[in-house]
Amino acid sequence: MAGATPTHTGRVDRRVRQELGGFLRSRRERITPADVGLPAGTRRRTPGLRREEVAQLAYISTEYYTRLEQARAPHPSREVLAQLARALRLSDAERDHLHHLAGTPPGPPPGPSREVRQSIVDLLKRLPEAAAIVLSATYEVIAWNDLAAALMEDFSALPRRDRNLLRRAFLGPHQDGRRLYGVSDADEFARTAARHLRAAAARYPDSPEVTGLVDELLAGSEEFARLWAAHDVAARPTLCKTFEHPLVGPVSVSCDVLDIADRDQRVAIYTAAPGSPSEEALRLLAVIGTQRMDVPATPGT
């Protein structure tokens, strides 16, 4: 009989709201007040943040957030979901899951991820004879091992903005007249990086970090402006390159790049041929580290 078939929309919707509430509660309970700059207090009885603290961080009412966790609120808007994702410090995967639970497909990621998986950090440490770095989608060096710091630069001594290899390639500084650590393919690297940035700008159209970097490079480098105007996105990898190091001289290495697709990151690994002078140079750099032996010692040190 027409119209007699029962529907389960209400039951499904209720279950989805319960899943959303449970997910929000689980993420809230894993964050400490110190993680978000709030005082812990002395009478805290619940793990993680209180509901009112999450509501405050997300710029929504405590009543509405409470109803979300209790599966009594209507589905939140995309704007509210973005605010909750920031307040709860969700990863990209968690952010997408939150949107799907709320019945609102996620939009473009807010910006390139800078969070490096611990397994990748551990991998870098387990490569004592190779120099290795992790690059974000905007070519910021976001992780490195000791040999990479000795070969290229002590990234830990730099402010974050100066760890960006696109800035270093196009805007300098060019130490001792050497562009980008004196690497032999510096010009080709600059072209490749500009093409990758063009593609990243399409993936993150609303990211202030990406648009700000593009604007800065366009204003400060005629070379970058020409490359940007070409609208090229394809790039061929350079498999071999030579670093002109100020202490040990030329270091020729193979360059292998591993893509971390879920983070939109790249791991660049530089290795020298076994038994070569460059392998000996890397071993010497492993001993020297980041100290500058070419700089006279300060009296009394």
C-alpha atoms as a PDB file:
ATOM      1  CA  MET A   1       0.000   0.000   0.000  1.00  0.00           C
ATOM      2  CA  ALA A   2       1.341   3.375  -1.020  1.00  0.00           C
ATOM      3  CA  GLY A   3       3.067   5.222   1.793  1.00  0.00           C
ATOM      4  CA  ALA A   4       3.017   2.152   4.094  1.00  0.00           C
ATOM      5  CA  THR A   5       6.756   1.363   3.855  1.00  0.00           C
ATOM      6  CA  PRO A   6       8.352   2.406   7.161  1.00  0.00           C
ATOM      7  CA  THR A   7      11.409   4.631   7.130  1.00  0.00           C
ATOM      8  CA  HIS A   8      14.284   4.581   9.557  1.00  0.00           C
ATOM      9  CA  THR A   9      15.550   8.092   8.901  1.00  0.00           C
ATOM     10  CA  GLY A  10      14.910   9.260  12.460  1.00  0.00           C
ATOM     11  CA  ARG A  11      16.639   6.245  13.981  1.00  0.00           C
ATOM     12  CA  VAL A  12      19.678   6.625  11.682  1.00  0.00           C
ATOM     13  CA  ASP A  13      19.862  10.331  12.358  1.00  0.00           C
ATOM     14  CA  ARG A  14      19.784   9.687  16.101  1.00  0.00           C
ATOM     15  CA  ARG A  15      22.614   7.167  15.804  1.00  0.00           C
ATOM     16  CA  VAL A  16      24.693   9.596  13.727  1.00  0.00           C
ATOM     17  CA  ARG A  17      24.179  12.339  16.309  1.00  0.00           C
ATOM     18  CA  GLN A  18      25.281   9.954  19.040  1.00  0.00           C
ATOM     19  CA  GLU A  19      28.426   9.127  17.046  1.00  0.00           C
ATOM     20  CA  LEU A  20      29.109  12.853  16.633  1.00  0.00           C
ATOM     21  CA  GLY A  21      28.606  13.482  20.346  1.00  0.00           C
ATOM     22  CA  GLY A  22      30.819  10.582  21.332  1.00  0.00           C
ATOM     23  CA  PHE A  23      33.576  11.724  18.998  1.00  0.00           C
ATOM     24  CA  LEU A  24      33.494  15.282  20.360  1.00  0.00           C
ATOM     25  CA  ARG A  25      33.596  13.994  23.929  1.00  0.00           C
ATOM     26  CA  SER A  26      36.543  11.678  23.229  1.00  0.00           C
ATOM     27  CA  ARG A  27      38.553  14.496  21.623  1.00  0.00           C
ATOM     28  CA  ARG A  28      37.693  16.883  24.474  1.00  0.00           C
ATOM     29  CA  GLU A  29      38.859  14.431  27.130  1.00  0.00           C
ATOM     30  CA  ARG A  30      42.304  13.958  25.592  1.00  0.00           C
ATOM     31  CA  ILE A  31      43.264  17.675  25.706  1.00  0.00           C
ATOM     32  CA  THR A  32      44.676  19.162  28.883  1.00  0.00           C
ATOM     33  CA  PRO A  33      44.105  22.786  29.865  1.00  0.00           C
ATOM     34  CA  ALA A  34      47.836  23.398  29.492  1.00  0.00           C
ATOM     35  CA  ASP A  35      47.626  22.295  25.837  1.00  0.00           C
ATOM     36  CA  VAL A  36      45.421  25.297  25.052  1.00  0.00           C
ATOM     37  CA  GLY A  37      46.862  27.787  27.514  1.00  0.00           C
ATOM     38  CA  LEU A  38      44.197  27.474  30.220  1.00  0.00           C
ATOM     39  CA  PRO A  39      44.840  27.133  33.972  1.00  0.00           C
ATOM     40  CA  ALA A  40      44.318  23.618  35.305  1.00  0.00           C
ATOM     41  CA  GLY A  41      42.693  24.714  38.565  1.00  0.00           C
ATOM     42  CA  THR A  42      42.506  22.621  41.732  1.00  0.00           C
ATOM     43  CA  ARG A  43      38.970  21.213  41.574  1.00  0.00           C
ATOM     44  CA  ARG A  44      38.988  19.581  38.140  1.00  0.00           C
ATOM     45  CA  ARG A  45      37.123  16.265  38.269  1.00  0.00           C
ATOM     46  CA  THR A  46      36.940  15.430  34.558  1.00  0.00           C
ATOM     47  CA  PRO A  47      39.756  14.354  32.250  1.00  0.00           C
ATOM     48  CA  GLY A  48      40.709  16.872  29.627  1.00  0.00           C
ATOM     49  CA  LEU A  49      38.773  20.085  29.068  1.00  0.00           C
ATOM     50  CA  ARG A  50      35.390  21.024  30.445  1.00  0.00           C
ATOM     51  CA  ARG A  51      32.510  21.546  28.025  1.00  0.00           C
ATOM     52  CA  GLU A  52      32.394  25.251  28.746  1.00  0.00           C
ATOM     53  CA  GLU A  53      36.101  25.529  27.939  1.00  0.00           C
ATOM     54  CA  VAL A  54      35.645  23.913  24.536  1.00  0.00           C
ATOM     55  CA  ALA A  55      32.671  26.175  23.866  1.00  0.00           C
ATOM     56  CA  GLN A  56      34.753  29.204  24.792  1.00  0.00           C
ATOM     57  CA  LEU A  57      37.602  28.146  22.500  1.00  0.00           C
ATOM     58  CA  ALA A  58      35.156  27.451  19.645  1.00  0.00           C
ATOM     59  CA  TYR A  59      33.210  30.713  20.152  1.00  0.00           C
ATOM     60  CA  ILE A  60      29.880  28.952  20.632  1.00  0.00           C
ATOM     61  CA  SER A  61      27.541  28.755  23.622  1.00  0.00           C
ATOM     62  CA  THR A  62      28.109  26.162  26.306  1.00  0.00           C
ATOM     63  CA  GLU A  63      24.464  25.105  26.009  1.00  0.00           C
ATOM     64  CA  TYR A  64      24.798  24.396  22.291  1.00  0.00           C
ATOM     65  CA  TYR A  65      28.044  22.453  22.721  1.00  0.00           C
ATOM     66  CA  THR A  66      26.498  20.411  25.541  1.00  0.00           C
ATOM     67  CA  ARG A  67      23.542  19.541  23.324  1.00  0.00           C
ATOM     68  CA  LEU A  68      25.964  18.450  20.573  1.00  0.00           C
ATOM     69  CA  GLU A  69      27.674  15.989  22.912  1.00  0.00           C
ATOM     70  CA  GLN A  70      24.281  14.761  24.164  1.00  0.00           C
ATOM     71  CA  ALA A  71      22.990  14.190  20.611  1.00  0.00           C
ATOM     72  CA  ARG A  72      20.205  16.735  21.089  1.00  0.00           C
ATOM     73  CA  ALA A  73      21.355  19.533  18.778  1.00  0.00           C
ATOM     74  CA  PRO A  74      20.740  20.014  15.048  1.00  0.00           C
ATOM     75  CA  HIS A  75      23.654  19.327  12.750  1.00  0.00           C
ATOM     76  CA  PRO A  76      26.275  22.086  13.118  1.00  0.00           C
ATOM     77  CA  SER A  77      27.185  24.374  10.238  1.00  0.00           C
ATOM     78  CA  ARG A  78      30.490  24.163   8.354  1.00  0.00           C
ATOM     79  CA  GLU A  79      31.661  27.283  10.216  1.00  0.00           C
ATOM     80  CA  VAL A  80      30.924  25.753  13.626  1.00  0.00           C
ATOM     81  CA  LEU A  81      32.667  22.535  12.611  1.00  0.00           C
ATOM     82  CA  ALA A  82      35.781  24.492  11.625  1.00  0.00           C
ATOM     83  CA  GLN A  83      35.734  26.263  14.988  1.00  0.00           C
ATOM     84  CA  LEU A  84      35.362  22.968  16.844  1.00  0.00           C
ATOM     85  CA  ALA A  85      38.204  21.405  14.840  1.00  0.00           C
ATOM     86  CA  ARG A  86      40.508  24.258  15.827  1.00  0.00           C
ATOM     87  CA  ALA A  87      39.404  24.224  19.476  1.00  0.00           C
ATOM     88  CA  LEU A  88      39.921  20.458  19.785  1.00  0.00           C
ATOM     89  CA  ARG A  89      43.175  20.517  17.817  1.00  0.00           C
ATOM     90  CA  LEU A  90      41.989  17.870  15.374  1.00  0.00           C
ATOM     91  CA  SER A  91      44.309  16.347  12.815  1.00  0.00           C
ATOM     92  CA  ASP A  92      43.325  16.538   9.148  1.00  0.00           C
ATOM     93  CA  ALA A  93      41.887  13.015   9.272  1.00  0.00           C
ATOM     94  CA  GLU A  94      39.909  13.800  12.435  1.00  0.00           C
ATOM     95  CA  ARG A  95      38.658  17.050  10.921  1.00  0.00           C
ATOM     96  CA  ASP A  96      37.357  15.178   7.868  1.00  0.00           C
ATOM     97  CA  HIS A  97      35.732  12.558  10.105  1.00  0.00           C
ATOM     98  CA  LEU A  98      33.985  15.293  12.101  1.00  0.00           C
ATOM     99  CA  HIS A  99      32.560  16.789   8.920  1.00  0.00           C
ATOM    100  CA  HIS A 100      31.315  13.416   7.684  1.00  0.00           C
ATOM    101  CA  LEU A 101      29.648  12.685  11.028  1.00  0.00           C
ATOM    102  CA  ALA A 102      27.879  16.039  10.804  1.00  0.00           C
ATOM    103  CA  GLY A 103      26.678  15.295   7.269  1.00  0.00           C
ATOM    104  CA  THR A 104      28.756  18.130   5.809  1.00  0.00           C
ATOM    105  CA  PRO A 105      31.515  16.960   3.447  1.00  0.00           C
ATOM    106  CA  PRO A 106      34.802  18.663   4.329  1.00  0.00           C
ATOM    107  CA  GLY A 107      35.976  21.519   2.177  1.00  0.00           C
ATOM    108  CA  PRO A 108      39.590  22.119   1.154  1.00  0.00           C
ATOM    109  CA  PRO A 109      42.123  21.646   3.972  1.00  0.00           C
ATOM    110  CA  PRO A 110      42.736  24.931   5.801  1.00  0.00           C
ATOM    111  CA  GLY A 111      46.457  24.809   5.073  1.00  0.00           C
ATOM    112  CA  PRO A 112      49.493  22.551   4.638  1.00  0.00           C
ATOM    113  CA  SER A 113      50.126  20.160   7.498  1.00  0.00           C
ATOM    114  CA  ARG A 114      53.254  20.762   9.609  1.00  0.00           C
ATOM    115  CA  GLU A 115      52.653  17.767  11.884  1.00  0.00           C
ATOM    116  CA  VAL A 116      55.279  15.086  11.179  1.00  0.00           C
ATOM    117  CA  ARG A 117      54.423  11.510  12.132  1.00  0.00           C
ATOM    118  CA  GLN A 118      56.628  10.127  14.910  1.00  0.00           C
ATOM    119  CA  SER A 119      57.531   7.158  12.725  1.00  0.00           C
ATOM    120  CA  ILE A 120      59.002   9.557  10.146  1.00  0.00           C
ATOM    121  CA  VAL A 121      60.970  11.405  12.847  1.00  0.00           C
ATOM    122  CA  ASP A 122      62.300   8.039  14.038  1.00  0.00           C
ATOM    123  CA  LEU A 123      63.217   7.104  10.448  1.00  0.00           C
ATOM    124  CA  LEU A 124      65.352  10.228  10.096  1.00  0.00           C
ATOM    125  CA  LYS A 125      67.239   9.352  13.281  1.00  0.00           C
ATOM    126  CA  ARG A 126      67.904   5.841  11.984  1.00  0.00           C
ATOM    127  CA  LEU A 127      69.742   7.151   8.913  1.00  0.00           C
ATOM    128  CA  PRO A 128      73.108   8.120  10.445  1.00  0.00           C
ATOM    129  CA  GLU A 129      74.958   7.955   7.117  1.00  0.00           C
ATOM    130  CA  ALA A 130      72.326   9.896   5.161  1.00  0.00           C
ATOM    131  CA  ALA A 131      71.226  13.509   5.404  1.00  0.00           C
ATOM    132  CA  ALA A 132      67.423  13.674   5.500  1.00  0.00           C
ATOM    133  CA  ILE A 133      64.803  16.402   5.817  1.00  0.00           C
ATOM    134  CA  VAL A 134      61.005  16.564   5.743  1.00  0.00           C
ATOM    135  CA  LEU A 135      59.422  19.318   3.643  1.00  0.00           C
ATOM    136  CA  SER A 136      55.885  20.654   3.939  1.00  0.00           C
ATOM    137  CA  ALA A 137      53.811  21.469   0.866  1.00  0.00           C
ATOM    138  CA  THR A 138      55.272  24.997   0.968  1.00  0.00           C
ATOM    139  CA  TYR A 139      58.889  23.740   1.172  1.00  0.00           C
ATOM    140  CA  GLU A 140      59.320  24.534   4.838  1.00  0.00           C
ATOM    141  CA  VAL A 141      61.853  22.234   6.513  1.00  0.00           C
ATOM    142  CA  ILE A 142      59.733  20.787   9.330  1.00  0.00           C
ATOM    143  CA  ALA A 143      62.003  17.921  10.446  1.00  0.00           C
ATOM    144  CA  TRP A 144      65.642  16.979   9.899  1.00  0.00           C
ATOM    145  CA  ASN A 145      68.393  14.772  11.225  1.00  0.00           C
ATOM    146  CA  ASP A 146      71.792  15.824  12.560  1.00  0.00           C
ATOM    147  CA  LEU A 147      73.666  15.116   9.324  1.00  0.00           C
ATOM    148  CA  ALA A 148      71.250  17.299   7.318  1.00  0.00           C
ATOM    149  CA  ALA A 149      71.887  20.153   9.741  1.00  0.00           C
ATOM    150  CA  ALA A 150      75.649  19.678   9.323  1.00  0.00           C
ATOM    151  CA  LEU A 151      75.439  19.495   5.526  1.00  0.00           C
ATOM    152  CA  MET A 152      72.971  22.328   4.992  1.00  0.00           C
ATOM    153  CA  GLU A 153      72.304  24.457   8.062  1.00  0.00           C
ATOM    154  CA  ASP A 154      71.411  24.246  11.741  1.00  0.00           C
ATOM    155  CA  PHE A 155      67.663  24.646  11.241  1.00  0.00           C
ATOM    156  CA  SER A 156      67.052  24.627  14.988  1.00  0.00           C
ATOM    157  CA  ALA A 157      68.859  27.978  15.217  1.00  0.00           C
ATOM    158  CA  LEU A 158      66.529  29.606  12.662  1.00  0.00           C
ATOM    159  CA  PRO A 159      63.094  31.160  13.135  1.00  0.00           C
ATOM    160  CA  ARG A 160      60.371  29.195  11.389  1.00  0.00           C
ATOM    161  CA  ARG A 161      60.022  31.562   8.404  1.00  0.00           C
ATOM    162  CA  ASP A 162      63.740  31.216   7.591  1.00  0.00           C
ATOM    163  CA  ARG A 163      63.443  27.427   7.328  1.00  0.00           C
ATOM    164  CA  ASN A 164      61.458  27.797   4.104  1.00  0.00           C
ATOM    165  CA  LEU A 165      63.619  26.726   1.147  1.00  0.00           C
ATOM    166  CA  LEU A 166      61.538  28.729  -1.322  1.00  0.00           C
ATOM    167  CA  ARG A 167      62.364  31.918   0.577  1.00  0.00           C
ATOM    168  CA  ARG A 168      66.012  30.907   0.764  1.00  0.00           C
ATOM    169  CA  ALA A 169      66.162  30.118  -2.961  1.00  0.00           C
ATOM    170  CA  PHE A 170      64.465  33.283  -4.230  1.00  0.00           C
ATOM    171  CA  LEU A 171      64.997  35.858  -1.492  1.00  0.00           C
ATOM    172  CA  GLY A 172      68.260  34.752   0.131  1.00  0.00           C
ATOM    173  CA  PRO A 173      70.390  35.235   2.005  1.00  0.00           C
ATOM    174  CA  HIS A 174      72.950  33.722  -0.370  1.00  0.00           C
ATOM    175  CA  GLN A 175      75.842  33.010   1.978  1.00  0.00           C
ATOM    176  CA  ASP A 176      79.271  33.646   0.433  1.00  0.00           C
ATOM    177  CA  GLY A 177      77.505  34.179  -2.891  1.00  0.00           C
ATOM    178  CA  ARG A 178      76.258  30.573  -2.826  1.00  0.00           C
ATOM    179  CA  ARG A 179      72.602  30.067  -3.598  1.00  0.00           C
ATOM    180  CA  LEU A 180      70.846  27.573  -1.347  1.00  0.00           C
ATOM    181  CA  TYR A 181      73.911  26.060   0.359  1.00  0.00           C
ATOM    182  CA  GLY A 182      75.889  26.042  -2.897  1.00  0.00           C
ATOM    183  CA  VAL A 183      73.953  23.097  -4.258  1.00  0.00           C
ATOM    184  CA  SER A 184      74.724  22.365  -7.923  1.00  0.00           C
ATOM    185  CA  ASP A 185      71.096  22.298  -9.068  1.00  0.00           C
ATOM    186  CA  ALA A 186      69.981  25.423  -7.166  1.00  0.00           C
ATOM    187  CA  ASP A 187      68.405  27.028 -10.233  1.00  0.00           C
ATOM    188  CA  GLU A 188      66.554  23.865 -11.222  1.00  0.00           C
ATOM    189  CA  PHE A 189      65.491  23.350  -7.607  1.00  0.00           C
ATOM    190  CA  ALA A 190      64.024  26.863  -7.561  1.00  0.00           C
ATOM    191  CA  ARG A 191      62.027  26.157 -10.726  1.00  0.00           C
ATOM    192  CA  THR A 192      60.791  22.822  -9.374  1.00  0.00           C
ATOM    193  CA  ALA A 193      59.789  24.322  -6.028  1.00  0.00           C
ATOM    194  CA  ALA A 194      57.904  27.153  -7.731  1.00  0.00           C
ATOM    195  CA  ARG A 195      55.917  24.617  -9.750  1.00  0.00           C
ATOM    196  CA  HIS A 196      55.105  22.601  -6.639  1.00  0.00           C
ATOM    197  CA  LEU A 197      53.978  25.780  -4.891  1.00  0.00           C
ATOM    198  CA  ARG A 198      51.664  26.535  -7.823  1.00  0.00           C
ATOM    199  CA  ALA A 199      49.998  23.148  -7.296  1.00  0.00           C
ATOM    200  CA  ALA A 200      49.866  23.643  -3.512  1.00  0.00           C
ATOM    201  CA  ALA A 201      48.147  27.007  -3.975  1.00  0.00           C
ATOM    202  CA  ALA A 202      45.361  25.206  -5.849  1.00  0.00           C
ATOM    203  CA  ARG A 203      45.015  22.619  -3.048  1.00  0.00           C
ATOM    204  CA  TYR A 204      44.903  25.256  -0.293  1.00  0.00           C
ATOM    205  CA  PRO A 205      43.093  28.244  -1.840  1.00  0.00           C
ATOM    206  CA  ASP A 206      42.013  29.632   1.531  1.00  0.00           C
ATOM    207  CA  SER A 207      45.332  29.254   3.361  1.00  0.00           C
ATOM    208  CA  PRO A 208      46.804  32.594   4.500  1.00  0.00           C
ATOM    209  CA  GLU A 209      50.178  30.873   4.838  1.00  0.00           C
ATOM    210  CA  VAL A 210      50.239  29.817   1.181  1.00  0.00           C
ATOM    211  CA  THR A 211      48.820  33.030  -0.277  1.00  0.00           C
ATOM    212  CA  GLY A 212      51.107  35.110   1.936  1.00  0.00           C
ATOM    213  CA  LEU A 213      54.181  33.187   0.780  1.00  0.00           C
ATOM    214  CA  VAL A 214      53.196  33.581  -2.873  1.00  0.00           C
ATOM    215  CA  ASP A 215      52.632  37.324  -2.458  1.00  0.00           C
ATOM    216  CA  GLU A 216      55.985  37.733  -0.689  1.00  0.00           C
ATOM    217  CA  LEU A 217      57.855  35.863  -3.423  1.00  0.00           C
ATOM    218  CA  LEU A 218      56.073  37.749  -6.205  1.00  0.00           C
ATOM    219  CA  ALA A 219      56.977  41.085  -4.603  1.00  0.00           C
ATOM    220  CA  GLY A 220      60.585  40.167  -3.848  1.00  0.00           C
ATOM    221  CA  SER A 221      61.779  38.101  -6.816  1.00  0.00           C
ATOM    222  CA  GLU A 222      61.473  38.858 -10.528  1.00  0.00           C
ATOM    223  CA  GLU A 223      62.639  35.314 -11.248  1.00  0.00           C
ATOM    224  CA  PHE A 224      59.803  33.837  -9.185  1.00  0.00           C
ATOM    225  CA  ALA A 225      57.309  36.209 -10.823  1.00  0.00           C
ATOM    226  CA  ARG A 226      58.366  34.933 -14.276  1.00  0.00           C
ATOM    227  CA  LEU A 227      58.068  31.309 -13.189  1.00  0.00           C
ATOM    228  CA  TRP A 228      54.700  31.943 -11.557  1.00  0.00           C
ATOM    229  CA  ALA A 229      53.356  33.590 -14.702  1.00  0.00           C
ATOM    230  CA  ALA A 230      54.208  30.453 -16.709  1.00  0.00           C
ATOM    231  CA  HIS A 231      51.570  28.421 -14.759  1.00  0.00           C
ATOM    232  CA  ASP A 232      53.722  25.265 -14.891  1.00  0.00           C
ATOM    233  CA  VAL A 233      52.972  22.524 -12.360  1.00  0.00           C
ATOM    234  CA  ALA A 234      54.887  19.505 -13.707  1.00  0.00           C
ATOM    235  CA  ALA A 235      58.475  19.028 -12.555  1.00  0.00           C
ATOM    236  CA  ARG A 236      61.209  16.453 -13.138  1.00  0.00           C
ATOM    237  CA  PRO A 237      63.164  15.301 -10.091  1.00  0.00           C
ATOM    238  CA  THR A 238      66.910  15.829  -9.851  1.00  0.00           C
ATOM    239  CA  LEU A 239      68.447  12.517  -8.842  1.00  0.00           C
ATOM    240  CA  CYS A 240      72.008  13.712  -8.205  1.00  0.00           C
ATOM    241  CA  LYS A 241      73.413  16.974  -6.839  1.00  0.00           C
ATOM    242  CA  THR A 242      76.522  18.404  -5.268  1.00  0.00           C
ATOM    243  CA  PHE A 243      76.688  20.585  -2.155  1.00  0.00           C
ATOM    244  CA  GLU A 244      79.621  23.017  -1.940  1.00  0.00           C
ATOM    245  CA  HIS A 245      80.268  22.825   1.776  1.00  0.00           C
ATOM    246  CA  PRO A 246      82.498  25.540   3.293  1.00  0.00           C
ATOM    247  CA  LEU A 247      84.413  23.052   5.473  1.00  0.00           C
ATOM    248  CA  VAL A 248      84.666  19.750   3.604  1.00  0.00           C
ATOM    249  CA  GLY A 249      84.322  20.976   0.029  1.00  0.00           C
ATOM    250  CA  PRO A 250      82.084  19.375  -2.620  1.00  0.00           C
ATOM    251  CA  VAL A 251      79.749  16.622  -1.447  1.00  0.00           C
ATOM    252  CA  SER A 252      78.050  14.730  -4.284  1.00  0.00           C
ATOM    253  CA  VAL A 253      74.914  12.833  -3.298  1.00  0.00           C
ATOM    254  CA  SER A 254      71.994  10.943  -4.715  1.00  0.00           C
ATOM    255  CA  CYS A 255      68.644  12.489  -3.864  1.00  0.00           C
ATOM    256  CA  ASP A 256      65.629  10.274  -3.248  1.00  0.00           C
ATOM    257  CA  VAL A 257      62.265  11.821  -2.402  1.00  0.00           C
ATOM    258  CA  LEU A 258      59.501   9.899  -0.614  1.00  0.00           C
ATOM    259  CA  ASP A 259      55.965  11.271  -0.675  1.00  0.00           C
ATOM    260  CA  ILE A 260      53.875  11.197   2.511  1.00  0.00           C
ATOM    261  CA  ALA A 261      50.532  11.454   0.768  1.00  0.00           C
ATOM    262  CA  ASP A 262      48.266  11.768   3.797  1.00  0.00           C
ATOM    263  CA  ARG A 263      50.256  14.754   5.132  1.00  0.00           C
ATOM    264  CA  ASP A 264      51.145  16.322   1.757  1.00  0.00           C
ATOM    265  CA  GLN A 265      54.818  16.207   2.779  1.00  0.00           C
ATOM    266  CA  ARG A 266      58.068  14.968   1.248  1.00  0.00           C
ATOM    267  CA  VAL A 267      61.087  13.261   2.755  1.00  0.00           C
ATOM    268  CA  ALA A 268      64.332  14.123   0.920  1.00  0.00           C
ATOM    269  CA  ILE A 269      67.182  11.684   1.587  1.00  0.00           C
ATOM    270  CA  TYR A 270      70.748  12.481   0.465  1.00  0.00           C
ATOM    271  CA  THR A 271      73.228   9.592   0.269  1.00  0.00           C
ATOM    272  CA  ALA A 272      76.779   9.344  -1.085  1.00  0.00           C
ATOM    273  CA  ALA A 273      78.177   6.464  -3.124  1.00  0.00           C
ATOM    274  CA  PRO A 274      79.910   3.858  -0.943  1.00  0.00           C
ATOM    275  CA  GLY A 275      83.670   4.323  -0.821  1.00  0.00           C
ATOM    276  CA  SER A 276      83.550   7.738  -2.488  1.00  0.00           C
ATOM    277  CA  PRO A 277      85.230  10.942  -1.244  1.00  0.00           C
ATOM    278  CA  SER A 278      81.735  12.311  -0.656  1.00  0.00           C
ATOM    279  CA  GLU A 279      80.967   9.441   1.706  1.00  0.00           C
ATOM    280  CA  GLU A 280      84.095  10.324   3.658  1.00  0.00           C
ATOM    281  CA  ALA A 281      83.007  13.972   3.668  1.00  0.00           C
ATOM    282  CA  LEU A 282      79.618  13.023   5.130  1.00  0.00           C
ATOM    283  CA  ARG A 283      81.329  10.946   7.825  1.00  0.00           C
ATOM    284  CA  LEU A 284      83.499  13.932   8.702  1.00  0.00           C
ATOM    285  CA  LEU A 285      80.428  16.163   8.862  1.00  0.00           C
ATOM    286  CA  ALA A 286      78.775  13.659  11.191  1.00  0.00           C
ATOM    287  CA  VAL A 287      81.696  14.219  13.575  1.00  0.00           C
ATOM    288  CA  ILE A 288      81.939  17.996  13.089  1.00  0.00           C
ATOM    289  CA  GLY A 289      78.204  18.568  13.357  1.00  0.00           C
ATOM    290  CA  THR A 290      77.010  22.149  13.052  1.00  0.00           C
ATOM    291  CA  GLN A 291      80.056  23.808  14.624  1.00  0.00           C
ATOM    292  CA  ARG A 292      81.811  26.370  12.458  1.00  0.00           C
ATOM    293  CA  MET A 293      85.495  25.461  12.445  1.00  0.00           C
ATOM    294  CA  ASP A 294      86.202  28.235   9.947  1.00  0.00           C
ATOM    295  CA  VAL A 295      85.230  30.919  12.519  1.00  0.00           C
ATOM    296  CA  PRO A 296      87.997  32.022  14.926  1.00  0.00           C
ATOM    297  CA  ALA A 297      87.258  31.105  18.520  1.00  0.00           C
ATOM    298  CA  THR A 298      86.320  33.918  20.871  1.00  0.00           C
ATOM    299  CA  PRO A 299      89.075  34.610  23.420  1.00  0.00           C
ATOM    300  CA  GLY A 300      88.321  32.962  26.731  1.00  0.00           C
ATOM    301  CA  THR A 301      86.091  30.238  25.225  1.00  0.00           C
END
